[in-house]
Amino acid sequence: MDVEHYDRQSRTVKKPLYTYYAQKIKDNTRMLEGRCLDVGACGGYLGLELAKMTNLHVTFFDLNAEALEKAALHLVEDGLEGRGATLTGDVHAIPLPDESMDLIISRGSMPFWEDPALALQEIYRILKKGGTTFVGGGKGTPEIKAQIIENMIAEGQEVDLEAMDKMHGDGMKRDYDALLKSKGIQNFVIHRAQDGIWIQMWK
């Protein structure tokens, strides 16, 4: 992964995507304060946008230490010092105590989980009573996609529509209902819409 390139893209041309999903998470979960874990956070783009809209303290969690260095930098750049932290680790064995997070979010990391059932079980394990999740993936609405394409053109970047449409597609076609039930998780709803698939679990 080219962290520098991905970071530039996510902080500029693709920023509307993260703003859109942060607002969706806020609207659907109504979680405005407490502790939030951003799984597969990379440079923290989703969690940063959510932190700007709420009083949540966000922990950016990823296997890639270089990407998390970007998240730490962006906390300072966005004036969010004290509102976030970074944590390196694997979603299949999250290094956090049981019931330690009020909200757990993720966008786009699920297709890369080697054992999605185990990863979802780990996420559920660290979720507090009264907490919720909003994990999944999507490429936004047609309007968001058009805005990103417009931004790319303005930056003189090549637009590969086929690649944009395929991104994360196969990994989001799993039977997540069956995976969750296989781990004994019953309190969940799966939101399937034009803008992606999102799993909301609660205790």
C-alpha atoms as a PDB file:
ATOM      1  CA  MET A   1       0.000   0.000   0.000  1.00  0.00           C
ATOM      2  CA  ASP A   2       1.291   3.458  -0.969  1.00  0.00           C
ATOM      3  CA  VAL A   3       0.404   5.258   2.252  1.00  0.00           C
ATOM      4  CA  GLU A   4       1.454   8.687   0.975  1.00  0.00           C
ATOM      5  CA  HIS A   5      -0.694   8.465  -2.165  1.00  0.00           C
ATOM      6  CA  TYR A   6      -3.698   7.014  -0.333  1.00  0.00           C
ATOM      7  CA  ASP A   7      -3.432   9.698   2.318  1.00  0.00           C
ATOM      8  CA  ARG A   8      -3.318  12.546  -0.204  1.00  0.00           C
ATOM      9  CA  GLN A   9      -6.330  11.155  -2.047  1.00  0.00           C
ATOM     10  CA  SER A  10      -8.359  10.614   1.103  1.00  0.00           C
ATOM     11  CA  ARG A  11      -7.622  14.064   2.513  1.00  0.00           C
ATOM     12  CA  THR A  12      -8.452  15.852  -0.752  1.00  0.00           C
ATOM     13  CA  VAL A  13     -10.437  14.398  -3.636  1.00  0.00           C
ATOM     14  CA  LYS A  14     -12.143  11.651  -1.621  1.00  0.00           C
ATOM     15  CA  LYS A  15     -12.856  13.718   1.487  1.00  0.00           C
ATOM     16  CA  PRO A  16     -16.593  14.115   0.615  1.00  0.00           C
ATOM     17  CA  LEU A  17     -16.973  10.341   0.963  1.00  0.00           C
ATOM     18  CA  TYR A  18     -15.812  10.343   4.574  1.00  0.00           C
ATOM     19  CA  THR A  19     -17.864  13.403   5.482  1.00  0.00           C
ATOM     20  CA  TYR A  20     -20.939  11.696   4.040  1.00  0.00           C
ATOM     21  CA  TYR A  21     -20.437   8.461   5.972  1.00  0.00           C
ATOM     22  CA  ALA A  22     -19.570  10.242   9.213  1.00  0.00           C
ATOM     23  CA  GLN A  23     -22.906  12.048   8.989  1.00  0.00           C
ATOM     24  CA  LYS A  24     -24.654   8.748   8.223  1.00  0.00           C
ATOM     25  CA  ILE A  25     -23.081   7.145  11.284  1.00  0.00           C
ATOM     26  CA  LYS A  26     -24.064  10.076  13.470  1.00  0.00           C
ATOM     27  CA  ASP A  27     -27.654  10.010  12.174  1.00  0.00           C
ATOM     28  CA  ASN A  28     -28.064   6.250  12.541  1.00  0.00           C
ATOM     29  CA  THR A  29     -26.348   5.694  15.889  1.00  0.00           C
ATOM     30  CA  ARG A  30     -27.047   8.989  17.693  1.00  0.00           C
ATOM     31  CA  MET A  31     -23.763   8.456  19.513  1.00  0.00           C
ATOM     32  CA  LEU A  32     -22.396  11.902  20.332  1.00  0.00           C
ATOM     33  CA  GLU A  33     -20.004  11.175  23.187  1.00  0.00           C
ATOM     34  CA  GLY A  34     -18.000   8.361  24.703  1.00  0.00           C
ATOM     35  CA  ARG A  35     -15.231   6.202  23.252  1.00  0.00           C
ATOM     36  CA  CYS A  36     -15.166   5.247  19.588  1.00  0.00           C
ATOM     37  CA  LEU A  37     -12.914   2.725  17.819  1.00  0.00           C
ATOM     38  CA  ASP A  38     -12.261   3.246  14.097  1.00  0.00           C
ATOM     39  CA  VAL A  39     -11.268  -0.207  12.801  1.00  0.00           C
ATOM     40  CA  GLY A  40      -8.971  -0.295   9.770  1.00  0.00           C
ATOM     41  CA  ALA A  41      -8.673   3.440  10.202  1.00  0.00           C
ATOM     42  CA  CYS A  42      -5.614   3.951   8.012  1.00  0.00           C
ATOM     43  CA  GLY A  43      -4.987   7.711   8.239  1.00  0.00           C
ATOM     44  CA  GLY A  44      -8.120   8.248  10.326  1.00  0.00           C
ATOM     45  CA  TYR A  45     -10.310   9.839   7.657  1.00  0.00           C
ATOM     46  CA  LEU A  46     -13.717   8.542   8.816  1.00  0.00           C
ATOM     47  CA  GLY A  47     -13.048   8.894  12.529  1.00  0.00           C
ATOM     48  CA  LEU A  48     -11.691  12.413  12.083  1.00  0.00           C
ATOM     49  CA  GLU A  49     -14.837  13.563  10.305  1.00  0.00           C
ATOM     50  CA  LEU A  50     -17.008  11.956  12.985  1.00  0.00           C
ATOM     51  CA  ALA A  51     -14.968  13.604  15.757  1.00  0.00           C
ATOM     52  CA  LYS A  52     -15.623  16.998  14.168  1.00  0.00           C
ATOM     53  CA  MET A  53     -19.391  16.382  14.370  1.00  0.00           C
ATOM     54  CA  THR A  54     -19.499  14.938  17.901  1.00  0.00           C
ATOM     55  CA  ASN A  55     -17.724  14.880  21.258  1.00  0.00           C
ATOM     56  CA  LEU A  56     -16.501  11.312  20.753  1.00  0.00           C
ATOM     57  CA  HIS A  57     -12.946  10.350  21.635  1.00  0.00           C
ATOM     58  CA  VAL A  58     -11.730   8.253  18.686  1.00  0.00           C
ATOM     59  CA  THR A  59      -9.077   5.545  18.770  1.00  0.00           C
ATOM     60  CA  PHE A  60      -7.698   4.862  15.303  1.00  0.00           C
ATOM     61  CA  PHE A  61      -6.953   1.137  14.991  1.00  0.00           C
ATOM     62  CA  ASP A  62      -4.954  -0.426  12.163  1.00  0.00           C
ATOM     63  CA  LEU A  63      -2.240  -2.982  11.414  1.00  0.00           C
ATOM     64  CA  ASN A  64      -0.262  -0.399   9.437  1.00  0.00           C
ATOM     65  CA  ALA A  65       1.845   1.712  11.807  1.00  0.00           C
ATOM     66  CA  GLU A  66       2.857   4.086   9.004  1.00  0.00           C
ATOM     67  CA  ALA A  67      -0.781   4.845   8.252  1.00  0.00           C
ATOM     68  CA  LEU A  68      -1.480   5.480  11.942  1.00  0.00           C
ATOM     69  CA  GLU A  69       1.327   8.034  11.975  1.00  0.00           C
ATOM     70  CA  LYS A  70      -0.762   9.945   9.445  1.00  0.00           C
ATOM     71  CA  ALA A  71      -3.806   9.704  11.712  1.00  0.00           C
ATOM     72  CA  ALA A  72      -1.818  11.162  14.619  1.00  0.00           C
ATOM     73  CA  LEU A  73      -0.628  14.002  12.382  1.00  0.00           C
ATOM     74  CA  HIS A  74      -4.136  14.727  11.134  1.00  0.00           C
ATOM     75  CA  LEU A  75      -5.462  14.981  14.693  1.00  0.00           C
ATOM     76  CA  VAL A  76      -3.113  17.931  15.175  1.00  0.00           C
ATOM     77  CA  GLU A  77      -3.811  19.421  11.744  1.00  0.00           C
ATOM     78  CA  ASP A  78      -7.574  19.304  12.369  1.00  0.00           C
ATOM     79  CA  GLY A  79      -7.317  20.832  15.849  1.00  0.00           C
ATOM     80  CA  LEU A  80      -8.439  17.637  17.558  1.00  0.00           C
ATOM     81  CA  GLU A  81      -5.556  17.136  19.983  1.00  0.00           C
ATOM     82  CA  GLY A  82      -6.783  15.234  23.012  1.00  0.00           C
ATOM     83  CA  ARG A  83      -9.741  13.850  21.064  1.00  0.00           C
ATOM     84  CA  GLY A  84      -8.011  10.807  19.636  1.00  0.00           C
ATOM     85  CA  ALA A  85      -5.328   8.151  19.936  1.00  0.00           C
ATOM     86  CA  THR A  86      -3.777   5.450  17.776  1.00  0.00           C
ATOM     87  CA  LEU A  87      -3.579   1.714  18.401  1.00  0.00           C
ATOM     88  CA  THR A  88      -1.740  -0.837  16.282  1.00  0.00           C
ATOM     89  CA  GLY A  89      -3.195  -4.322  16.061  1.00  0.00           C
ATOM     90  CA  ASP A  90      -5.222  -6.995  14.284  1.00  0.00           C
ATOM     91  CA  VAL A  91      -9.025  -6.938  14.201  1.00  0.00           C
ATOM     92  CA  HIS A  92      -9.011 -10.706  14.827  1.00  0.00           C
ATOM     93  CA  ALA A  93      -7.427 -10.117  18.267  1.00  0.00           C
ATOM     94  CA  ILE A  94      -8.201  -6.555  19.329  1.00  0.00           C
ATOM     95  CA  PRO A  95      -5.899  -5.552  22.224  1.00  0.00           C
ATOM     96  CA  LEU A  96      -8.657  -3.965  24.300  1.00  0.00           C
ATOM     97  CA  PRO A  97     -10.674  -5.149  27.320  1.00  0.00           C
ATOM     98  CA  ASP A  98     -14.215  -6.492  27.071  1.00  0.00           C
ATOM     99  CA  GLU A  99     -16.921  -3.829  26.831  1.00  0.00           C
ATOM    100  CA  SER A 100     -14.509  -0.911  26.464  1.00  0.00           C
ATOM    101  CA  MET A 101     -15.972   0.993  23.490  1.00  0.00           C
ATOM    102  CA  ASP A 102     -19.266   2.849  23.117  1.00  0.00           C
ATOM    103  CA  LEU A 103     -19.148   2.998  19.317  1.00  0.00           C
ATOM    104  CA  ILE A 104     -17.174   0.937  16.805  1.00  0.00           C
ATOM    105  CA  ILE A 105     -16.982   2.064  13.188  1.00  0.00           C
ATOM    106  CA  SER A 106     -15.233   0.932  10.037  1.00  0.00           C
ATOM    107  CA  ARG A 107     -15.439   1.685   6.358  1.00  0.00           C
ATOM    108  CA  GLY A 108     -13.849  -0.466   3.696  1.00  0.00           C
ATOM    109  CA  SER A 109     -11.804  -2.794   5.886  1.00  0.00           C
ATOM    110  CA  MET A 110     -14.224  -5.755   6.019  1.00  0.00           C
ATOM    111  CA  PRO A 111     -13.247  -7.231   2.612  1.00  0.00           C
ATOM    112  CA  PHE A 112      -9.682  -7.577   3.889  1.00  0.00           C
ATOM    113  CA  TRP A 113     -10.517  -9.515   7.066  1.00  0.00           C
ATOM    114  CA  GLU A 114      -9.192 -13.090   6.793  1.00  0.00           C
ATOM    115  CA  ASP A 115     -11.852 -14.409   9.178  1.00  0.00           C
ATOM    116  CA  PRO A 116     -14.782 -11.957   9.164  1.00  0.00           C
ATOM    117  CA  ALA A 117     -16.808 -13.977  11.666  1.00  0.00           C
ATOM    118  CA  LEU A 118     -13.978 -13.870  14.204  1.00  0.00           C
ATOM    119  CA  ALA A 119     -13.399 -10.160  13.532  1.00  0.00           C
ATOM    120  CA  LEU A 120     -17.071  -9.368  14.132  1.00  0.00           C
ATOM    121  CA  GLN A 121     -16.997 -11.463  17.309  1.00  0.00           C
ATOM    122  CA  GLU A 122     -14.004  -9.445  18.551  1.00  0.00           C
ATOM    123  CA  ILE A 123     -15.761  -6.175  17.743  1.00  0.00           C
ATOM    124  CA  TYR A 124     -18.830  -7.362  19.626  1.00  0.00           C
ATOM    125  CA  ARG A 125     -16.676  -8.441  22.593  1.00  0.00           C
ATOM    126  CA  ILE A 126     -15.278  -4.950  23.167  1.00  0.00           C
ATOM    127  CA  LEU A 127     -18.634  -3.204  22.685  1.00  0.00           C
ATOM    128  CA  LYS A 128     -20.099  -1.731  25.863  1.00  0.00           C
ATOM    129  CA  LYS A 129     -23.640  -2.402  27.003  1.00  0.00           C
ATOM    130  CA  GLY A 130     -25.701   0.376  25.464  1.00  0.00           C
ATOM    131  CA  GLY A 131     -23.136   0.746  22.686  1.00  0.00           C
ATOM    132  CA  THR A 132     -23.459   0.104  18.979  1.00  0.00           C
ATOM    133  CA  THR A 133     -21.449  -0.517  15.836  1.00  0.00           C
ATOM    134  CA  PHE A 134     -21.583   0.805  12.305  1.00  0.00           C
ATOM    135  CA  VAL A 135     -19.153  -1.210  10.207  1.00  0.00           C
ATOM    136  CA  GLY A 136     -19.291  -1.912   6.510  1.00  0.00           C
ATOM    137  CA  GLY A 137     -18.428  -0.360   3.230  1.00  0.00           C
ATOM    138  CA  GLY A 138     -19.660   1.613   0.272  1.00  0.00           C
ATOM    139  CA  LYS A 139     -18.699   4.162  -2.327  1.00  0.00           C
ATOM    140  CA  GLY A 140     -21.267   6.784  -1.406  1.00  0.00           C
ATOM    141  CA  THR A 141     -24.209   7.985  -3.427  1.00  0.00           C
ATOM    142  CA  PRO A 142     -24.145   8.820  -7.157  1.00  0.00           C
ATOM    143  CA  GLU A 143     -23.860  12.462  -6.104  1.00  0.00           C
ATOM    144  CA  ILE A 144     -20.824  11.752  -3.921  1.00  0.00           C
ATOM    145  CA  LYS A 145     -19.231   9.693  -6.689  1.00  0.00           C
ATOM    146  CA  ALA A 146     -19.797  12.546  -9.172  1.00  0.00           C
ATOM    147  CA  GLN A 147     -18.224  14.999  -6.722  1.00  0.00           C
ATOM    148  CA  ILE A 148     -15.151  12.784  -6.321  1.00  0.00           C
ATOM    149  CA  ILE A 149     -14.787  12.449 -10.096  1.00  0.00           C
ATOM    150  CA  GLU A 150     -15.080  16.214 -10.431  1.00  0.00           C
ATOM    151  CA  ASN A 151     -12.383  16.658  -7.790  1.00  0.00           C
ATOM    152  CA  MET A 152     -10.104  14.179  -9.547  1.00  0.00           C
ATOM    153  CA  ILE A 153     -10.499  15.947 -12.878  1.00  0.00           C
ATOM    154  CA  ALA A 154      -9.795  19.298 -11.241  1.00  0.00           C
ATOM    155  CA  GLU A 155      -6.587  17.794  -9.830  1.00  0.00           C
ATOM    156  CA  GLY A 156      -5.599  16.496 -13.260  1.00  0.00           C
ATOM    157  CA  GLN A 157      -5.979  12.867 -12.178  1.00  0.00           C
ATOM    158  CA  GLU A 158      -7.025   9.992 -14.415  1.00  0.00           C
ATOM    159  CA  VAL A 159     -10.506   8.651 -13.644  1.00  0.00           C
ATOM    160  CA  ASP A 160     -10.875   4.865 -13.844  1.00  0.00           C
ATOM    161  CA  LEU A 161     -14.628   4.316 -13.520  1.00  0.00           C
ATOM    162  CA  GLU A 162     -14.354   0.526 -13.772  1.00  0.00           C
ATOM    163  CA  ALA A 163     -11.860   0.370 -10.899  1.00  0.00           C
ATOM    164  CA  MET A 164     -14.029   2.659  -8.783  1.00  0.00           C
ATOM    165  CA  ASP A 165     -17.065   0.439  -9.316  1.00  0.00           C
ATOM    166  CA  LYS A 166     -15.218  -2.779  -8.476  1.00  0.00           C
ATOM    167  CA  MET A 167     -13.495  -1.538  -5.331  1.00  0.00           C
ATOM    168  CA  HIS A 168     -14.452  -3.663  -2.301  1.00  0.00           C
ATOM    169  CA  GLY A 169     -17.327  -5.192  -4.250  1.00  0.00           C
ATOM    170  CA  ASP A 170     -16.661  -8.923  -3.812  1.00  0.00           C
ATOM    171  CA  GLY A 171     -15.784  -8.718  -0.137  1.00  0.00           C
ATOM    172  CA  MET A 172     -19.107  -7.098   0.681  1.00  0.00           C
ATOM    173  CA  LYS A 173     -21.148  -9.970  -0.825  1.00  0.00           C
ATOM    174  CA  ARG A 174     -20.596 -12.346   2.096  1.00  0.00           C
ATOM    175  CA  ASP A 175     -23.560 -13.672   4.070  1.00  0.00           C
ATOM    176  CA  TYR A 176     -22.989 -11.500   7.121  1.00  0.00           C
ATOM    177  CA  ASP A 177     -26.302 -12.574   8.677  1.00  0.00           C
ATOM    178  CA  ALA A 178     -25.041 -16.163   8.856  1.00  0.00           C
ATOM    179  CA  LEU A 179     -21.576 -15.117  10.032  1.00  0.00           C
ATOM    180  CA  LEU A 180     -22.991 -13.130  12.941  1.00  0.00           C
ATOM    181  CA  LYS A 181     -25.379 -15.875  13.984  1.00  0.00           C
ATOM    182  CA  SER A 182     -22.542 -18.429  13.821  1.00  0.00           C
ATOM    183  CA  LYS A 183     -20.875 -16.474  16.651  1.00  0.00           C
ATOM    184  CA  GLY A 184     -24.048 -16.282  18.711  1.00  0.00           C
ATOM    185  CA  ILE A 185     -24.652 -12.601  17.933  1.00  0.00           C
ATOM    186  CA  GLN A 186     -28.387 -11.939  17.721  1.00  0.00           C
ATOM    187  CA  ASN A 187     -28.655  -8.198  18.323  1.00  0.00           C
ATOM    188  CA  PHE A 188     -27.922  -6.767  14.914  1.00  0.00           C
ATOM    189  CA  VAL A 189     -29.414  -5.229  11.823  1.00  0.00           C
ATOM    190  CA  ILE A 190     -27.799  -5.037   8.417  1.00  0.00           C
ATOM    191  CA  HIS A 191     -28.495  -1.878   6.461  1.00  0.00           C
ATOM    192  CA  ARG A 192     -28.376  -2.567   2.714  1.00  0.00           C
ATOM    193  CA  ALA A 193     -28.823   0.448   0.505  1.00  0.00           C
ATOM    194  CA  GLN A 194     -27.507   2.189  -2.580  1.00  0.00           C
ATOM    195  CA  ASP A 195     -24.610   3.581  -0.552  1.00  0.00           C
ATOM    196  CA  GLY A 196     -23.358   0.214   0.721  1.00  0.00           C
ATOM    197  CA  ILE A 197     -23.850  -2.405   3.403  1.00  0.00           C
ATOM    198  CA  TRP A 198     -23.508  -1.546   7.095  1.00  0.00           C
ATOM    199  CA  ILE A 199     -23.724  -3.786  10.149  1.00  0.00           C
ATOM    200  CA  GLN A 200     -25.162  -2.322  13.314  1.00  0.00           C
ATOM    201  CA  MET A 201     -24.762  -4.506  16.428  1.00  0.00           C
ATOM    202  CA  TRP A 202     -25.717  -3.605  19.969  1.00  0.00           C
ATOM    203  CA  LYS A 203     -25.805  -4.915  23.526  1.00  0.00           C
END
